[in-house]
Protein backbone atom coordinates (compact mmCIF):
# COMPACT_ATOMS: atom_id res chain seq x y z
CA MET A 1 0.02 -0.19 0.13
CA PRO A 2 1.47 3.37 -0.85
CA GLY A 3 0.20 5.35 1.55
CA CYS A 4 -2.62 5.65 4.46
CA VAL A 5 -4.48 8.26 6.00
CA LEU A 6 -6.67 8.74 9.25
CA VAL A 7 -8.33 11.20 10.98
CA GLN A 8 -7.39 11.37 14.78
CA ALA A 9 -9.27 12.90 17.66
CA ALA A 10 -7.10 16.05 18.51
CA TYR A 11 -8.03 16.54 22.36
CA HIS A 12 -6.65 12.28 22.54
CA ASN A 13 -2.71 12.78 23.43
CA ARG A 14 -1.85 9.19 23.94
CA SER A 15 -3.28 8.07 20.05
CA LEU A 16 -1.83 11.17 18.50
CA SER A 17 1.56 10.05 20.30
CA LEU A 18 0.85 6.68 19.37
CA TYR A 19 0.47 7.42 15.56
CA ALA A 20 3.49 9.71 15.74
CA LYS A 21 5.39 6.90 16.93
CA LEU A 22 4.29 4.44 14.38
CA GLY A 23 5.51 6.86 11.72
CA PHE A 24 2.21 8.86 10.75
CA VAL A 25 3.07 12.35 9.92
CA VAL A 26 0.33 15.27 10.95
CA ARG A 27 -0.90 16.79 7.70
CA GLU A 28 -4.00 19.28 8.65
CA PRO A 29 -5.71 20.40 11.92
CA LEU A 30 -9.39 20.08 10.68
CA ALA A 31 -12.39 21.12 12.56
CA CYS A 32 -15.60 19.03 12.67
CA MET A 33 -18.23 21.63 12.26
CA GLN A 34 -22.07 21.27 12.31
CA GLY A 35 -25.12 23.50 11.38
CA ALA A 36 -26.90 24.37 8.12
CA ILE A 37 -26.92 27.54 6.03
CA GLN A 38 -29.61 26.46 3.61
CA LYS A 39 -29.13 28.81 0.73
CA THR A 40 -27.92 28.95 -2.94
CA ALA A 41 -25.04 30.99 -3.83
CA PRO A 42 -25.78 33.09 -6.88
CA GLY A 43 -24.62 31.95 -10.00
CA TYR A 44 -24.32 28.13 -9.01
CA HIS A 45 -26.96 25.45 -9.64
CA ILE A 46 -26.28 22.37 -7.14
CA ARG A 47 -27.75 19.45 -7.89
CA PRO A 48 -27.56 15.50 -7.44
CA ALA A 49 -24.28 14.01 -9.19
CA GLU A 50 -25.46 11.58 -12.17
CA LEU A 51 -23.26 8.84 -13.21
CA GLN A 52 -21.92 10.69 -16.39
CA ASP A 53 -20.52 13.58 -14.16
CA ILE A 54 -17.98 11.05 -12.67
CA ALA A 55 -15.11 11.94 -15.46
CA ALA A 56 -15.28 15.54 -14.78
CA CYS A 57 -15.28 15.12 -10.84
CA ASN A 58 -12.42 12.66 -11.21
CA ASP A 59 -10.59 15.41 -13.36
CA LEU A 60 -11.27 17.80 -10.61
CA CYS A 61 -9.88 15.43 -7.85
CA ILE A 62 -6.96 14.97 -10.00
CA ARG A 63 -6.13 18.69 -10.22
CA VAL A 64 -6.74 19.10 -6.37
CA HIS A 65 -5.49 15.80 -4.82
CA GLY A 66 -3.25 14.09 -7.65
CA HIS A 67 -5.63 11.26 -7.45
CA ASP A 68 -9.32 10.28 -8.32
CA ARG A 69 -11.86 8.67 -5.99
CA GLY A 70 -14.22 7.42 -8.80
CA GLY A 71 -14.92 3.97 -7.01
CA GLU A 72 -16.21 5.94 -4.03
CA LEU A 73 -18.00 8.64 -6.13
CA LYS A 74 -19.83 6.20 -8.17
CA ASP A 75 -21.10 4.38 -4.94
CA ALA A 76 -22.14 7.51 -3.51
CA VAL A 77 -23.88 8.52 -6.96
CA GLN A 78 -25.70 5.08 -7.22
CA GLN A 79 -26.75 5.89 -3.54
CA GLY A 80 -28.06 9.14 -4.16
CA ALA A 81 -25.68 11.05 -1.85
CA ALA A 82 -23.24 12.75 -4.21
CA VAL A 83 -23.83 16.63 -5.21
CA VAL A 84 -22.32 18.71 -7.61
CA ALA A 85 -21.83 22.80 -8.08
CA GLU A 86 -21.88 23.90 -11.68
CA SER A 87 -21.16 27.51 -12.55
CA GLU A 88 -20.32 29.05 -16.02
CA GLY A 89 -21.46 25.94 -17.78
CA ARG A 90 -19.50 23.30 -16.14
CA ILE A 91 -18.77 21.34 -12.58
CA LYS A 92 -16.61 23.59 -10.40
CA ALA A 93 -17.20 21.42 -6.97
CA TYR A 94 -18.53 18.15 -6.19
CA ALA A 95 -19.34 16.17 -3.00
CA SER A 96 -19.77 12.52 -2.44
CA ALA A 97 -21.37 13.48 0.59
CA ILE A 98 -21.81 16.63 2.43
CA ALA A 99 -20.96 14.35 5.98
CA PHE A 100 -18.51 13.23 8.13
CA PHE A 101 -18.36 10.17 5.70
CA GLY A 102 -18.31 12.47 2.51
CA HIS A 103 -15.47 14.24 0.93
CA ALA A 104 -15.80 17.29 -1.35
CA VAL A 105 -13.44 18.87 -3.87
CA ALA A 106 -13.76 22.13 -5.38
CA GLU A 107 -11.65 24.53 -7.82
CA SER A 108 -11.74 27.51 -5.22
CA ASN A 109 -13.17 28.43 -1.80
CA LYS A 110 -16.05 30.05 -3.57
CA ASP A 111 -17.29 26.71 -5.20
CA LEU A 112 -16.99 24.95 -2.12
CA GLU A 113 -18.92 27.38 -0.31
CA ALA A 114 -21.65 26.96 -2.71
CA LEU A 115 -22.05 23.16 -1.92
CA ILE A 116 -21.55 23.99 2.08
CA SER A 117 -24.68 26.35 1.48
CA ALA A 118 -26.90 24.25 -0.21
CA ALA A 119 -26.68 21.26 2.01
CA THR A 120 -29.85 20.91 4.18
CA GLU A 121 -27.68 19.07 6.72
CA PHE A 122 -24.53 17.80 7.34
CA GLN A 123 -24.95 14.10 8.13
CA GLY A 124 -23.29 12.29 11.03
CA PRO A 125 -21.14 14.58 13.48
CA GLY A 126 -20.44 17.01 10.67
CA ILE A 127 -18.11 18.29 7.96
CA LEU A 128 -14.57 18.01 8.26
CA VAL A 129 -12.92 21.44 7.33
CA PRO A 130 -9.34 22.05 7.07
CA THR A 131 -8.33 24.93 9.26
CA ARG A 132 -5.26 25.87 7.34
CA ASN A 133 -7.76 27.30 4.90
CA SER A 134 -8.39 30.22 6.84
CA ALA A 135 -10.67 31.87 4.48
CA LEU A 136 -12.98 28.98 4.50
CA PHE A 137 -12.70 28.13 8.25
CA ARG A 138 -14.01 31.79 8.81
CA TRP A 139 -16.75 31.83 6.31
CA CYS A 140 -17.90 28.65 7.85
CA LEU A 141 -18.21 30.37 11.41
CA GLU A 142 -19.22 33.59 9.93
CA ASN A 143 -22.32 31.89 8.43
CA GLY A 144 -23.55 29.92 11.33
CA LEU A 145 -21.40 26.74 11.50
CA ARG A 146 -20.04 25.75 14.83
CA VAL A 147 -17.28 23.58 15.79
CA VAL A 148 -17.95 20.28 17.17
CA GLN A 149 -14.65 18.94 17.90
CA PRO A 150 -10.82 19.17 16.92
CA LEU A 151 -9.31 16.76 14.61
CA THR A 152 -6.07 15.78 13.03
CA LEU A 153 -5.46 14.41 9.56
CA MET A 154 -2.39 11.95 9.51
CA THR A 155 -0.83 9.95 6.96
CA ILE A 156 1.94 7.51 6.51
CA GLY A 157 3.57 6.89 2.98
CA LEU A 158 2.46 8.88 -0.26
CA TYR A 159 0.70 11.98 0.48
CA ASN A 160 -0.11 14.78 -2.17
CA GLU A 161 -0.43 18.11 -0.58
CA PRO A 162 -4.19 19.53 -1.96
CA ALA A 163 -3.82 22.13 -4.57
CA GLY A 164 -7.34 23.50 -4.31
CA ALA A 165 -10.40 23.59 -1.87
CA TYR A 166 -11.62 20.54 -0.40
CA LEU A 167 -13.35 18.71 2.68
CA THR A 168 -11.81 15.34 3.74
CA SER A 169 -13.49 12.44 5.14
CA ILE A 170 -12.73 10.06 7.65
CA LEU A 171 -12.83 7.53 4.87
CA PHE A 172 -10.34 7.36 2.60
């Protein structure tokens, strides 16, 4: 296996120490956030993802993460959980689900904000917002979302630093 990703509860000192001793590297502080904004951003059309959207979503994921998550996305489309944000005639963001167990990828914060804004709820404990993306984190707070708990994204092995806006998932 080229790499492994995990999300660790930031307040749990012993597990953080254990994973670090095992060779995991801290990559990103995360905030699990909960709430709902429930509005459509101007200039965006948010809709359920369809099977024919997977290629465009995979291209976007490759640009941001260096790999696609096509299998997970196909499952999410078939389950009716995946959504896309269209603007300027193309897909600018997608999510396998706006949820703890879902991931989202976008060209920009604005595109990701459109997806987050349109969600009627965040499934599970909430969404996982990378707090180093201070503009997105601040936007979430300013729009009524609240931090439920701090988490840490850790990896061992192969890891590509993301080159765009994203929400991570506890599944990888």
